[in-house]
Amino acid sequence: MGIVDGFVALFSSWQAVAFTIIGTLVGLIGGAIPGLSSGAMISLLIPVTFYMGPLPALAMIYAVGKSSDFGGSIPAILFNTPGTPQASATQVEGYPLTRQGRQGKALRMAVVASAQGDFFSELLLIFGAAFLAVYASKLGPPEFVAIYCCAFIIIGGLLGKSVLTGLLSVILGLLLSLVGSDPITAGERFTFGSFHLYDGFGLVPVLLGVFVLSEVFEKVGNAVVENARDAIAGTPRCPDDSRLTWAEYKRVLPTICRSQVIGSGVGILPGLGSVVASFVAYSEAKRRSKTPETWGKGEIEGIAAAEAANNATSGSNLIPLLTLGIPGSTAAALLSGVMLIHGVEIGPRVFETSHDLIYGVFAAGLLCIVTYFVVGYWGAAHLGRLIAKIPAQVVYPIIFLTCYIAVYSTEQEIFDMVLMTVFGLLGFLMKRIGMSPPAFIIAFILGPGLERALRQTFLLDDSGILYFLERPIALFFFALGIAALLLRVRKERWKVSA
């Protein structure tokens, strides 16, 4: 079995095991710092992966993304300040429990639901991705053009503040991905005579600028946990307030099972992400509840629903990446960037060309789940209180300096530092006007793939765009993207009219 080969590959390398655990701890800490997203944490670590082997690098990056999904729930529960956007649903029920002195119970419920949802999603990835890759490998360039276009339309339509700003984010990412030399003619494109741009914009300066430096610009002067000093945790009234009982777990188990299916389903669809999954699962659990009047006042079932769905996206959003070459989330897009850096082919053939490596990453994901479960179950409260004591005046200057050290260490080029600053300002501006940095980055990474598939399509037939009319699968994906866009436009118009 593939996963057996993966465990053999993982435990044959002490570096892979060590960096999986390190990535898990880094993700927990990063997720617990409000405003520092998993994308920012991964971007900071990507320069480190240049000096690592493929398996340790991918295992660490994958672990950071998985554990940060749970880490965001720690300040959401303890201080009423979500560490990550997807933890906002957890905050609704978690913080009232903290005010009642039952923060220990809330944190344990969060980590149990997170680990269970994550494990389900990981199994779906392990046993489903290779199966789907067999069919995806039979698709030709026209189908991949349609899939890329469908993904860009869905991502742009869903991730932006509006359809217009989301699609503009995608278009901007695609345009900037064209900078550099033409892959066929070797002619220069948009380089303006600068030899620094002959190979295009470097991935590391772009990622660090858009995801990390823009966060620093936005958070300067603010407290790391704004509400931490005002949060008053009640004193536990009895030992049961600090632990999760078997009876409580049995009561919420159906909700966890239902939410992990919702999260996995949402995670497979590019662009929706864990924020959508957590709120959909929370709303569905509340709708099914026999006591809806208790929700919003500290209902542990709400924490279970949100966290199970939240973490259930972490494995399933790799399925479109490994089968179609389309990342389902920002973390998956960054992981694909690390794969490109290490020469790992992205798409359905990855199970043939890098079989042990990919299953080694899957095994690292399972090790990550066990690690953050152990640390979170017994140490989440201590971690949260420690982070709350660290002022922004210490955290963000360190991150700021780390960005410049990291980007300079990759190529020893002053130009990369300037480039990162420009993209940092661009990311800051994009957030201010409602554009989507994740949509921009996904389009920037996938732009060369779309160009390659489009050129191959035109080489196959002289009909041009009309050739797509002869490909039913391609037409299906074009129609799917247009339908998703029309639904989003209709929803926006309905909100305006309401």
Protein backbone atom coordinates (compact mmCIF):
# COMPACT_ATOMS: atom_id res chain seq x y z
CA MET A 1 0.00 0.00 0.00
CA GLY A 2 1.10 3.53 -0.73
CA ILE A 3 0.70 4.82 2.82
CA VAL A 4 2.90 2.00 4.14
CA ASP A 5 5.61 3.11 1.71
CA GLY A 6 5.02 6.65 2.96
CA PHE A 7 5.62 5.73 6.60
CA VAL A 8 8.76 3.86 5.59
CA ALA A 9 10.01 6.94 3.71
CA LEU A 10 9.09 9.26 6.60
CA PHE A 11 10.69 7.27 9.40
CA SER A 12 13.74 6.48 7.29
CA SER A 13 14.66 10.16 7.59
CA TRP A 14 15.09 11.69 11.03
CA GLN A 15 15.06 15.13 9.38
CA ALA A 16 11.58 14.48 7.96
CA VAL A 17 10.23 13.41 11.36
CA ALA A 18 11.93 16.29 13.18
CA PHE A 19 10.74 18.95 10.74
CA THR A 20 7.21 17.56 10.80
CA ILE A 21 7.12 18.06 14.57
CA ILE A 22 8.80 21.47 14.30
CA GLY A 23 6.31 22.52 11.63
CA THR A 24 3.43 21.40 13.85
CA LEU A 25 4.66 23.49 16.78
CA VAL A 26 5.36 26.51 14.57
CA GLY A 27 1.87 26.23 13.10
CA LEU A 28 0.29 26.07 16.56
CA ILE A 29 2.16 29.17 17.68
CA GLY A 30 1.54 31.05 14.45
CA GLY A 31 -2.15 30.17 14.44
CA ALA A 32 -2.46 31.37 18.03
CA ILE A 33 -1.10 34.84 17.13
CA PRO A 34 -4.06 36.89 15.84
CA GLY A 35 -3.43 38.39 12.41
CA LEU A 36 -0.55 36.06 11.54
CA SER A 37 -2.21 33.69 9.07
CA SER A 38 -0.99 30.26 8.07
CA GLY A 39 -0.06 31.74 4.69
CA ALA A 40 2.25 34.22 6.43
CA MET A 41 3.87 31.50 8.54
CA ILE A 42 4.44 29.25 5.54
CA SER A 43 5.84 32.13 3.49
CA LEU A 44 8.35 32.88 6.25
CA LEU A 45 9.52 29.27 6.24
CA ILE A 46 9.77 28.77 2.47
CA PRO A 47 13.31 30.24 2.28
CA VAL A 48 14.40 27.62 4.84
CA THR A 49 13.20 24.83 2.57
CA PHE A 50 15.85 25.76 -0.02
CA TYR A 51 18.40 24.03 2.21
CA MET A 52 16.32 20.93 2.94
CA GLY A 53 15.50 17.73 1.10
CA PRO A 54 12.11 17.45 -0.64
CA LEU A 55 10.42 15.28 2.02
CA PRO A 56 11.48 17.28 5.11
CA ALA A 57 10.57 20.53 3.31
CA LEU A 58 7.12 19.41 2.17
CA ALA A 59 6.40 17.68 5.49
CA MET A 60 7.20 20.82 7.47
CA ILE A 61 5.14 23.13 5.25
CA TYR A 62 2.19 20.70 5.27
CA ALA A 63 2.36 20.43 9.06
CA VAL A 64 2.37 24.21 9.52
CA GLY A 65 -0.82 24.57 7.51
CA LYS A 66 -2.61 21.75 9.34
CA SER A 67 -1.74 22.70 12.91
CA SER A 68 -2.38 26.43 12.40
CA ASP A 69 -6.02 25.60 11.62
CA PHE A 70 -6.40 24.36 15.20
CA GLY A 71 -4.03 26.96 16.66
CA GLY A 72 -6.37 29.77 15.68
CA SER A 73 -9.02 28.42 18.04
CA ILE A 74 -6.84 28.99 21.13
CA PRO A 75 -7.10 32.82 21.33
CA ALA A 76 -10.65 32.62 19.96
CA ILE A 77 -11.69 30.61 23.01
CA LEU A 78 -9.47 32.24 25.62
CA PHE A 79 -9.48 35.91 24.57
CA ASN A 80 -12.41 36.34 22.16
CA THR A 81 -9.89 37.11 19.38
CA PRO A 82 -9.62 34.51 16.58
CA GLY A 83 -6.04 33.68 15.64
CA THR A 84 -7.21 32.82 12.10
CA PRO A 85 -10.38 33.87 10.20
CA GLN A 86 -11.82 30.33 10.29
CA ALA A 87 -11.74 30.36 14.10
CA SER A 88 -14.42 33.07 14.17
CA ALA A 89 -17.16 30.43 14.33
CA THR A 90 -15.39 28.77 17.27
CA GLN A 91 -15.22 32.11 19.04
CA VAL A 92 -19.03 32.41 19.15
CA GLU A 93 -19.36 29.47 21.56
CA GLY A 94 -15.81 29.23 22.93
CA TYR A 95 -15.45 32.58 24.65
CA PRO A 96 -18.74 32.34 26.61
CA LEU A 97 -17.43 29.04 28.00
CA THR A 98 -14.23 30.82 29.07
CA ARG A 99 -16.23 33.46 30.92
CA GLN A 100 -17.99 30.61 32.73
CA GLY A 101 -14.66 29.10 33.83
CA ARG A 102 -14.96 26.19 31.40
CA GLN A 103 -12.13 27.16 29.05
CA GLY A 104 -10.37 23.82 29.65
CA LYS A 105 -13.43 21.93 28.41
CA ALA A 106 -13.75 24.22 25.38
CA LEU A 107 -10.10 23.81 24.35
CA ARG A 108 -10.23 20.03 24.74
CA MET A 109 -13.39 19.84 22.67
CA ALA A 110 -11.73 21.98 20.00
CA VAL A 111 -8.64 19.79 19.72
CA VAL A 112 -10.61 16.53 19.74
CA ALA A 113 -12.96 17.73 17.00
CA SER A 114 -10.06 19.23 15.02
CA ALA A 115 -8.03 16.02 15.14
CA GLN A 116 -10.99 13.82 14.24
CA GLY A 117 -12.03 16.01 11.31
CA ASP A 118 -8.44 16.29 10.15
CA PHE A 119 -7.94 12.51 10.35
CA PHE A 120 -11.07 11.87 8.27
CA SER A 121 -9.91 14.36 5.65
CA GLU A 122 -6.43 12.83 5.58
CA LEU A 123 -7.86 9.36 4.95
CA LEU A 124 -9.95 10.80 2.13
CA LEU A 125 -6.79 12.30 0.65
CA ILE A 126 -4.74 9.11 1.05
CA PHE A 127 -7.26 6.76 -0.52
CA GLY A 128 -9.07 9.14 -2.88
CA ALA A 129 -6.40 11.27 -4.54
CA ALA A 130 -4.57 8.45 -6.30
CA PHE A 131 -7.89 6.99 -7.51
CA LEU A 132 -8.97 10.31 -9.04
CA ALA A 133 -5.51 10.90 -10.49
CA VAL A 134 -5.97 7.87 -12.75
CA TYR A 135 -8.88 9.60 -14.48
CA ALA A 136 -7.29 13.05 -14.39
CA SER A 137 -4.21 11.75 -16.20
CA LYS A 138 -6.41 11.02 -19.24
CA LEU A 139 -7.34 14.68 -19.66
CA GLY A 140 -5.68 16.72 -22.40
CA PRO A 141 -4.51 20.37 -22.61
CA PRO A 142 -7.97 21.72 -23.61
CA GLU A 143 -9.52 20.19 -20.49
CA PHE A 144 -6.79 21.64 -18.29
CA VAL A 145 -7.32 25.09 -19.81
CA ALA A 146 -11.00 24.81 -18.90
CA ILE A 147 -10.18 23.56 -15.39
CA TYR A 148 -7.75 26.44 -14.81
CA CYS A 149 -10.33 28.96 -16.04
CA CYS A 150 -13.05 27.39 -13.91
CA ALA A 151 -10.83 27.49 -10.82
CA PHE A 152 -9.83 31.12 -11.43
CA ILE A 153 -13.45 32.18 -11.87
CA ILE A 154 -14.55 30.37 -8.70
CA ILE A 155 -11.57 31.60 -6.66
CA GLY A 156 -11.92 35.16 -7.90
CA GLY A 157 -15.67 35.20 -7.40
CA LEU A 158 -15.54 33.84 -3.86
CA LEU A 159 -12.37 35.20 -2.27
CA GLY A 160 -12.71 38.88 -3.09
CA LYS A 161 -14.83 41.42 -1.26
CA SER A 162 -16.90 41.47 -4.43
CA VAL A 163 -16.91 39.61 -7.73
CA LEU A 164 -15.14 42.51 -9.42
CA THR A 165 -12.31 42.86 -6.89
CA GLY A 166 -11.86 39.07 -6.72
CA LEU A 167 -11.55 38.72 -10.49
CA LEU A 168 -9.22 41.73 -10.63
CA SER A 169 -6.99 39.97 -8.08
CA VAL A 170 -6.82 36.91 -10.33
CA ILE A 171 -6.16 38.98 -13.47
CA LEU A 172 -3.37 40.89 -11.72
CA GLY A 173 -1.77 37.63 -10.59
CA LEU A 174 -1.96 36.20 -14.12
CA LEU A 175 -0.46 39.34 -15.68
CA LEU A 176 2.48 39.45 -13.28
CA SER A 177 3.14 35.74 -13.86
CA LEU A 178 3.89 36.63 -17.51
CA VAL A 179 6.86 38.82 -16.58
CA GLY A 180 10.17 37.29 -17.68
CA SER A 181 11.29 35.27 -20.67
CA ASP A 182 8.89 33.55 -23.03
CA PRO A 183 9.09 29.77 -22.35
CA ILE A 184 9.05 28.97 -26.10
CA THR A 185 10.76 31.87 -27.93
CA ALA A 186 12.97 32.97 -24.98
CA GLY A 187 12.02 36.56 -25.79
CA GLU A 188 11.73 39.08 -22.98
CA ARG A 189 8.27 40.08 -21.72
CA PHE A 190 7.63 43.14 -19.53
CA THR A 191 11.20 43.15 -18.19
CA PHE A 192 11.82 46.81 -19.19
CA GLY A 193 15.44 45.90 -19.90
CA SER A 194 16.16 44.71 -16.34
CA PHE A 195 18.17 41.49 -16.17
CA HIS A 196 16.74 40.93 -12.65
CA LEU A 197 13.35 40.27 -14.24
CA TYR A 198 14.54 37.93 -16.98
CA ASP A 199 13.36 34.90 -14.96
CA GLY A 200 10.26 36.71 -13.74
CA PHE A 201 9.36 37.74 -10.22
CA GLY A 202 10.88 35.44 -7.62
CA LEU A 203 8.38 33.36 -5.68
CA VAL A 204 9.93 34.06 -2.27
CA PRO A 205 9.90 37.90 -2.50
CA VAL A 206 6.33 37.84 -3.78
CA LEU A 207 5.08 35.49 -1.05
CA LEU A 208 6.87 37.25 1.80
CA GLY A 209 5.72 40.64 0.57
CA VAL A 210 2.06 39.86 -0.07
CA PHE A 211 1.46 37.58 2.91
CA VAL A 212 3.89 38.65 5.64
CA LEU A 213 5.12 42.19 5.08
CA SER A 214 1.60 43.41 4.30
CA GLU A 215 0.46 41.94 7.64
CA VAL A 216 3.23 43.85 9.44
CA PHE A 217 2.21 47.09 7.73
CA GLU A 218 -1.39 46.49 8.76
CA LYS A 219 -0.69 45.47 12.36
CA VAL A 220 1.95 48.02 13.34
CA GLY A 221 0.87 49.81 16.49
CA ASN A 222 -1.86 47.30 17.37
CA ALA A 223 -1.78 44.81 20.21
CA VAL A 224 -1.14 41.17 19.30
CA VAL A 225 -4.24 40.14 21.20
CA GLU A 226 -6.35 43.25 21.47
CA ASN A 227 -8.93 41.88 23.86
CA ALA A 228 -6.58 39.74 25.96
CA ARG A 229 -6.25 42.26 28.77
CA ASP A 230 -10.00 42.66 28.98
CA ALA A 231 -10.74 38.94 28.90
CA ILE A 232 -11.70 37.60 32.28
CA ALA A 233 -11.59 33.84 32.56
CA GLY A 234 -13.89 32.50 35.21
CA THR A 235 -12.70 30.10 37.87
CA PRO A 236 -13.64 26.44 37.31
CA ARG A 237 -16.45 25.47 39.66
CA CYS A 238 -15.65 21.77 39.60
CA PRO A 239 -13.07 19.39 38.01
CA ASP A 240 -15.47 18.57 35.17
CA ASP A 241 -15.25 22.19 33.97
CA SER A 242 -11.64 21.58 32.94
CA ARG A 243 -12.05 18.25 31.19
CA LEU A 244 -14.09 16.70 28.41
CA THR A 245 -16.27 13.86 29.62
CA TRP A 246 -17.12 10.74 27.65
CA ALA A 247 -20.85 11.59 27.85
CA GLU A 248 -20.22 15.01 26.26
CA TYR A 249 -18.13 13.49 23.50
CA LYS A 250 -20.83 10.91 22.70
CA ARG A 251 -23.43 13.68 22.52
CA VAL A 252 -21.49 15.71 19.96
CA LEU A 253 -20.07 12.75 17.97
CA PRO A 254 -22.85 12.84 15.32
CA THR A 255 -22.22 16.56 14.86
CA ILE A 256 -18.48 15.97 14.44
CA CYS A 257 -19.09 13.24 11.86
CA ARG A 258 -21.51 15.41 9.90
CA SER A 259 -19.23 18.46 10.08
CA GLN A 260 -16.14 16.60 8.91
CA VAL A 261 -18.04 15.49 5.81
CA ILE A 262 -19.11 19.10 5.18
CA GLY A 263 -15.55 20.35 5.67
CA SER A 264 -14.04 17.73 3.39
CA GLY A 265 -16.59 18.46 0.67
CA VAL A 266 -15.98 22.21 0.86
CA GLY A 267 -12.21 21.68 0.93
CA ILE A 268 -12.23 19.85 -2.40
CA LEU A 269 -13.78 22.88 -4.13
CA PRO A 270 -11.10 25.47 -5.00
CA GLY A 271 -11.56 28.86 -3.38
CA LEU A 272 -14.16 28.11 -0.71
CA GLY A 273 -11.75 27.33 2.11
CA SER A 274 -12.03 26.58 5.81
CA VAL A 275 -13.86 29.80 6.72
CA VAL A 276 -16.86 28.79 4.61
CA ALA A 277 -16.66 25.21 5.90
CA SER A 278 -16.64 26.18 9.58
CA PHE A 279 -19.62 28.55 9.32
CA VAL A 280 -21.65 26.17 7.14
CA ALA A 281 -21.07 23.33 9.62
CA TYR A 282 -21.83 25.58 12.60
CA SER A 283 -25.08 26.80 11.02
CA GLU A 284 -26.14 23.27 10.12
CA ALA A 285 -25.43 22.00 13.64
CA LYS A 286 -27.42 24.86 15.15
CA ARG A 287 -30.32 24.21 12.76
CA ARG A 288 -30.44 20.55 13.80
CA SER A 289 -30.07 21.24 17.52
CA LYS A 290 -33.00 20.44 19.81
CA THR A 291 -31.96 23.31 22.09
CA PRO A 292 -31.09 26.23 19.76
CA GLU A 293 -31.69 28.69 22.61
CA THR A 294 -28.41 27.58 24.27
CA TRP A 295 -26.33 28.51 21.21
CA GLY A 296 -24.31 31.69 21.50
CA LYS A 297 -24.11 31.21 25.27
CA GLY A 298 -21.42 28.52 25.37
CA GLU A 299 -22.70 25.46 23.50
CA ILE A 300 -19.89 22.91 23.23
CA GLU A 301 -21.54 21.32 20.20
CA GLY A 302 -20.93 24.55 18.25
CA ILE A 303 -17.20 24.31 18.93
CA ALA A 304 -17.20 20.70 17.77
CA ALA A 305 -19.00 21.57 14.53
CA ALA A 306 -16.80 24.53 13.63
CA GLU A 307 -13.48 22.86 14.45
CA ALA A 308 -14.26 19.51 12.80
CA ALA A 309 -15.23 21.26 9.55
CA ASN A 310 -12.34 23.73 9.78
CA ASN A 311 -9.64 21.05 9.99
CA ALA A 312 -11.40 18.68 7.62
CA THR A 313 -10.47 21.01 4.77
CA SER A 314 -6.71 20.66 5.32
CA GLY A 315 -6.38 17.27 3.67
CA SER A 316 -9.15 17.46 1.10
CA ASN A 317 -7.93 20.74 -0.43
CA LEU A 318 -4.81 18.89 -1.60
CA ILE A 319 -6.95 16.59 -3.75
CA PRO A 320 -7.45 19.09 -6.60
CA LEU A 321 -3.75 20.01 -6.36
CA LEU A 322 -2.50 16.44 -6.71
CA THR A 323 -5.07 15.35 -9.28
CA LEU A 324 -5.48 18.47 -11.44
CA GLY A 325 -2.63 20.73 -10.41
CA ILE A 326 -5.13 23.25 -9.00
CA PRO A 327 -4.64 24.16 -5.30
CA GLY A 328 -7.81 24.22 -3.24
CA SER A 329 -6.56 26.81 -0.74
CA THR A 330 -3.79 29.29 -0.03
CA ALA A 331 -1.85 26.71 2.01
CA ALA A 332 -2.12 24.22 -0.86
CA ALA A 333 -0.91 26.88 -3.31
CA LEU A 334 2.13 27.58 -1.14
CA LEU A 335 2.79 23.86 -0.83
CA SER A 336 2.72 23.66 -4.63
CA GLY A 337 5.31 26.45 -4.68
CA VAL A 338 7.63 24.36 -2.49
CA MET A 339 7.02 21.38 -4.78
CA LEU A 340 8.08 23.48 -7.78
CA ILE A 341 11.19 24.67 -5.92
CA HIS A 342 12.22 21.04 -5.33
CA GLY A 343 11.41 19.92 -8.85
CA VAL A 344 8.36 17.83 -7.90
CA GLU A 345 5.82 17.52 -10.71
CA ILE A 346 2.36 18.84 -9.83
CA GLY A 347 -0.64 17.00 -11.21
CA PRO A 348 -1.88 13.44 -11.65
CA ARG A 349 1.50 12.03 -12.70
CA VAL A 350 2.97 12.90 -9.29
CA PHE A 351 1.85 9.50 -7.98
CA GLU A 352 4.05 7.87 -10.63
CA THR A 353 7.06 10.19 -10.57
CA SER A 354 7.20 10.86 -6.79
CA HIS A 355 5.22 7.99 -5.25
CA ASP A 356 7.19 7.57 -2.01
CA LEU A 357 7.60 11.32 -1.54
CA ILE A 358 3.88 12.10 -1.79
CA TYR A 359 2.86 9.26 0.50
CA GLY A 360 5.63 10.33 2.86
CA VAL A 361 3.94 13.73 3.05
CA PHE A 362 0.62 11.99 3.78
CA ALA A 363 2.30 10.05 6.59
CA ALA A 364 3.74 13.32 7.92
CA GLY A 365 0.19 14.70 7.97
CA LEU A 366 -0.92 11.85 10.22
CA LEU A 367 2.07 12.42 12.51
CA CYS A 368 1.18 16.11 12.63
CA ILE A 369 -2.37 15.30 13.75
CA VAL A 370 -1.11 13.14 16.60
CA THR A 371 1.41 15.81 17.64
CA TYR A 372 -0.96 18.76 17.76
CA PHE A 373 -3.58 16.61 19.49
CA VAL A 374 -1.16 15.74 22.31
CA VAL A 375 0.18 19.29 22.63
CA GLY A 376 -3.24 20.90 22.27
CA TYR A 377 -5.09 18.62 24.67
CA TRP A 378 -2.71 19.26 27.56
CA GLY A 379 -0.96 22.51 26.70
CA ALA A 380 -3.24 24.78 24.64
CA ALA A 381 -4.26 26.98 27.58
CA HIS A 382 -0.64 27.56 28.63
CA LEU A 383 0.35 28.39 25.04
CA GLY A 384 -2.48 30.89 24.70
CA ARG A 385 -1.65 32.72 27.91
CA LEU A 386 2.02 32.87 26.98
CA ILE A 387 1.31 34.42 23.57
CA ALA A 388 -1.12 36.93 25.11
CA LYS A 389 1.76 38.35 27.18
CA ILE A 390 3.92 39.09 24.14
CA PRO A 391 3.31 42.68 22.93
CA ALA A 392 3.04 43.61 19.28
CA GLN A 393 6.04 45.91 19.73
CA VAL A 394 8.14 42.75 20.09
CA VAL A 395 6.47 40.33 17.67
CA TYR A 396 6.06 42.40 14.52
CA PRO A 397 9.50 44.05 14.42
CA ILE A 398 11.03 40.56 14.68
CA ILE A 399 8.83 39.34 11.82
CA PHE A 400 9.74 42.46 9.81
CA LEU A 401 13.49 41.83 10.17
CA THR A 402 13.06 38.11 9.55
CA CYS A 403 11.42 38.87 6.20
CA TYR A 404 14.43 40.82 4.94
CA ILE A 405 16.94 38.32 6.28
CA ALA A 406 15.02 35.44 4.69
CA VAL A 407 14.61 37.05 1.28
CA TYR A 408 18.26 38.14 1.12
CA SER A 409 19.56 34.73 2.18
CA THR A 410 17.94 32.97 -0.79
CA GLU A 411 19.77 34.73 -3.65
CA GLN A 412 21.90 37.39 -1.86
CA GLU A 413 20.25 40.06 -4.03
CA ILE A 414 19.37 43.55 -2.81
CA PHE A 415 16.84 43.67 -5.66
CA ASP A 416 14.81 40.89 -3.98
CA MET A 417 14.54 43.00 -0.82
CA VAL A 418 13.25 45.94 -2.85
CA LEU A 419 10.87 43.63 -4.72
CA MET A 420 9.51 42.22 -1.47
CA THR A 421 8.87 45.73 -0.15
CA VAL A 422 6.96 46.64 -3.33
CA PHE A 423 4.81 43.52 -3.06
CA GLY A 424 4.31 44.18 0.64
CA LEU A 425 2.85 47.57 -0.18
CA LEU A 426 0.81 45.98 -2.98
CA GLY A 427 -0.61 43.39 -0.57
CA PHE A 428 -1.43 46.12 1.95
CA LEU A 429 -3.20 48.15 -0.75
CA MET A 430 -5.09 45.12 -2.02
CA LYS A 431 -6.51 44.47 1.45
CA ARG A 432 -7.55 48.09 1.84
CA ILE A 433 -9.54 48.16 -1.42
CA GLY A 434 -11.10 44.71 -0.96
CA MET A 435 -8.95 42.70 -3.37
CA SER A 436 -7.86 39.19 -2.39
CA PRO A 437 -4.15 38.44 -1.79
CA PRO A 438 -4.81 34.64 -1.72
CA ALA A 439 -6.56 34.80 -5.12
CA PHE A 440 -3.68 36.90 -6.45
CA ILE A 441 -1.05 34.41 -5.22
CA ILE A 442 -2.92 31.35 -6.54
CA ALA A 443 -3.22 32.98 -9.98
CA PHE A 444 0.44 34.02 -9.89
CA ILE A 445 1.59 30.46 -9.16
CA LEU A 446 -0.77 28.80 -11.65
CA GLY A 447 -0.35 31.36 -14.44
CA PRO A 448 2.52 29.52 -16.19
CA GLY A 449 0.50 26.28 -16.11
CA LEU A 450 -2.47 27.96 -17.80
CA GLU A 451 -0.21 29.50 -20.44
CA ARG A 452 1.46 26.16 -21.15
CA ALA A 453 -1.86 24.31 -21.48
CA LEU A 454 -3.30 27.07 -23.70
CA ARG A 455 -0.33 26.99 -26.06
CA GLN A 456 -0.43 23.20 -26.26
CA THR A 457 -4.11 23.40 -27.12
CA PHE A 458 -3.50 25.78 -30.02
CA LEU A 459 -0.71 23.54 -31.28
CA LEU A 460 -3.06 20.54 -31.31
CA ASP A 461 -5.59 22.20 -33.61
CA ASP A 462 -5.79 25.25 -35.83
CA SER A 463 -9.41 25.99 -34.91
CA GLY A 464 -8.39 28.23 -32.04
CA ILE A 465 -11.11 28.82 -29.47
CA LEU A 466 -13.61 26.80 -31.52
CA TYR A 467 -11.62 23.67 -30.64
CA PHE A 468 -13.07 23.81 -27.12
CA LEU A 469 -16.56 23.28 -28.56
CA GLU A 470 -15.47 19.78 -29.59
CA ARG A 471 -14.41 18.83 -26.05
CA PRO A 472 -17.42 18.02 -23.80
CA ILE A 473 -15.39 17.88 -20.56
CA ALA A 474 -13.85 21.27 -21.29
CA LEU A 475 -17.30 22.73 -21.99
CA PHE A 476 -18.55 21.31 -18.69
CA PHE A 477 -15.84 23.08 -16.68
CA PHE A 478 -16.36 26.35 -18.55
CA ALA A 479 -20.10 26.11 -17.81
CA LEU A 480 -19.40 25.27 -14.16
CA GLY A 481 -17.24 28.35 -13.72
CA ILE A 482 -19.76 30.64 -15.41
CA ALA A 483 -22.61 29.18 -13.32
CA ALA A 484 -20.65 29.79 -10.10
CA LEU A 485 -19.95 33.36 -11.18
CA LEU A 486 -23.60 34.04 -12.01
CA LEU A 487 -24.69 32.65 -8.65
CA ARG A 488 -22.27 34.95 -6.83
CA VAL A 489 -23.43 37.96 -8.86
CA ARG A 490 -27.05 37.09 -8.12
CA LYS A 491 -26.26 36.80 -4.42
CA GLU A 492 -24.57 40.20 -4.39
CA ARG A 493 -27.51 41.83 -6.18
CA TRP A 494 -29.90 40.21 -3.71
CA LYS A 495 -27.92 41.67 -0.80
CA VAL A 496 -27.97 45.15 -2.37
CA SER A 497 -31.71 44.99 -3.01
CA ALA A 498 -32.38 43.70 0.51
